[in-house]
């Protein structure tokens, strides 16, 4: 997995060197684990990061440990990212999570023309 690095787009900025996050230029208060989780996901943008890797890398848990702590932290992190939580953090059911760059919703256009 890649090392955490600075990430910025139109709504979120992640500064690993300062352990800080900004959403729409407003600072967001995260716990250390929430920050590590977000920074790890963002460093691997577009890739699925599996649950076992996150549990081992961030919490030090072995593969045999069953816990819901990851899900709880993801839920809290999404809430703290406000309206963008679900847009940035995608759940890949049964596998893990993926961080996606923000894409505004687009309207669907019809290619059928009136006669």
Protein backbone atom coordinates (compact mmCIF):
# COMPACT_ATOMS: atom_id res chain seq x y z
CA UNK A 1 0.00 0.00 0.00
CA UNK A 2 1.07 3.56 -0.65
CA UNK A 3 2.20 5.94 2.09
CA UNK A 4 -0.23 8.73 3.04
CA UNK A 5 0.33 11.93 1.08
CA UNK A 6 -1.40 15.26 0.67
CA UNK A 7 -4.73 15.05 -1.13
CA UNK A 8 -6.84 17.96 -2.28
CA UNK A 9 -9.76 18.51 -4.59
CA UNK A 10 -12.67 20.94 -4.69
CA UNK A 11 -14.14 19.88 -1.31
CA UNK A 12 -11.57 18.08 0.82
CA UNK A 13 -7.94 18.59 1.73
CA UNK A 14 -5.93 16.02 3.68
CA UNK A 15 -2.54 17.08 5.07
CA UNK A 16 -0.77 14.04 6.55
CA UNK A 17 2.26 16.05 7.70
CA UNK A 18 -0.02 18.16 9.90
CA UNK A 19 -2.61 15.42 10.59
CA UNK A 20 -5.30 17.84 9.46
CA UNK A 21 -8.37 17.66 7.26
CA UNK A 22 -10.44 20.47 5.76
CA UNK A 23 -13.86 20.17 4.18
CA UNK A 24 -14.85 23.20 2.11
CA UNK A 25 -11.93 25.06 3.73
CA UNK A 26 -13.25 24.38 7.26
CA UNK A 27 -11.13 22.29 9.65
CA UNK A 28 -12.58 18.92 10.63
CA UNK A 29 -11.69 17.41 13.98
CA UNK A 30 -10.80 13.72 13.65
CA UNK A 31 -9.46 11.22 16.13
CA UNK A 32 -6.01 9.81 15.40
CA UNK A 33 -7.52 6.54 14.13
CA UNK A 34 -10.07 8.36 11.95
CA UNK A 35 -7.28 10.43 10.43
CA UNK A 36 -5.08 7.37 9.81
CA UNK A 37 -8.00 5.59 8.18
CA UNK A 38 -8.86 8.52 5.89
CA UNK A 39 -5.20 9.15 4.98
CA UNK A 40 -4.67 5.47 4.14
CA UNK A 41 -7.78 5.31 1.97
CA UNK A 42 -6.90 8.58 0.18
CA UNK A 43 -3.30 7.45 -0.43
CA UNK A 44 -4.77 4.47 -2.26
CA UNK A 45 -7.37 6.49 -4.16
CA UNK A 46 -9.41 4.41 -6.58
CA UNK A 47 -8.14 1.10 -5.19
CA UNK A 48 -10.11 -1.23 -2.95
CA UNK A 49 -8.39 -1.44 0.43
CA UNK A 50 -9.46 -4.66 2.08
CA UNK A 51 -10.74 -4.88 5.63
CA UNK A 52 -7.98 -7.15 6.88
CA UNK A 53 -5.28 -4.72 5.68
CA UNK A 54 -6.96 -1.77 7.40
CA UNK A 55 -7.47 -3.69 10.65
CA UNK A 56 -3.84 -4.82 10.64
CA UNK A 57 -2.30 -1.53 9.49
CA UNK A 58 -4.29 0.86 11.68
CA UNK A 59 -5.27 -1.22 14.70
CA UNK A 60 -2.65 -3.97 14.63
CA UNK A 61 -5.30 -6.71 14.63
CA UNK A 62 -4.57 -10.12 13.13
CA UNK A 63 -6.76 -11.74 10.49
CA UNK A 64 -8.45 -13.96 13.07
CA UNK A 65 -9.86 -11.01 15.04
CA UNK A 66 -13.54 -10.29 14.43
CA UNK A 67 -14.49 -6.71 15.22
CA UNK A 68 -16.85 -3.99 14.02
CA UNK A 69 -14.46 -1.17 14.96
CA UNK A 70 -13.61 -0.50 11.30
CA UNK A 71 -17.29 -0.10 10.39
CA UNK A 72 -17.88 2.21 13.35
CA UNK A 73 -14.90 4.38 12.40
CA UNK A 74 -16.02 4.53 8.75
CA UNK A 75 -19.51 5.60 9.84
CA UNK A 76 -18.11 8.35 12.10
CA UNK A 77 -15.69 9.48 9.41
CA UNK A 78 -18.46 9.75 6.83
CA UNK A 79 -20.53 11.79 9.25
CA UNK A 80 -17.63 14.17 9.91
CA UNK A 81 -17.11 14.64 6.16
CA UNK A 82 -20.69 15.94 6.15
CA UNK A 83 -22.44 15.89 2.78
CA UNK A 84 -19.40 14.32 1.11
CA UNK A 85 -18.85 11.25 3.29
CA UNK A 86 -20.65 8.81 1.03
CA UNK A 87 -19.24 10.44 -2.10
CA UNK A 88 -15.63 9.95 -1.00
CA UNK A 89 -15.78 6.63 0.86
CA UNK A 90 -17.33 3.73 -1.01
CA UNK A 91 -18.14 0.44 0.68
CA UNK A 92 -17.18 -2.59 -1.39
CA UNK A 93 -19.36 -5.19 0.31
CA UNK A 94 -17.53 -8.22 1.59
CA UNK A 95 -14.13 -6.78 0.64
CA UNK A 96 -13.32 -3.35 2.06
CA UNK A 97 -13.47 0.32 1.17
CA UNK A 98 -12.43 2.59 -1.70
CA UNK A 99 -11.67 6.33 -1.63
CA UNK A 100 -13.00 8.09 -4.71
CA UNK A 101 -12.32 11.60 -5.93
CA UNK A 102 -15.44 13.79 -5.74
CA UNK A 103 -17.54 13.89 -8.88
CA UNK A 104 -20.57 16.15 -9.00
CA UNK A 105 -23.82 14.53 -10.04
CA UNK A 106 -24.60 14.95 -13.70
CA UNK A 107 -28.00 15.07 -15.30
CA UNK A 108 -28.81 12.32 -17.75
CA UNK A 109 -29.45 13.47 -21.27
CA UNK A 110 -31.66 11.82 -23.79
CA UNK A 111 -30.29 11.22 -27.25
CA UNK A 112 -33.78 10.76 -28.66
CA UNK A 113 -34.85 13.77 -30.65
CA UNK A 114 -38.44 14.78 -31.27
CA UNK A 115 -39.59 14.24 -34.84
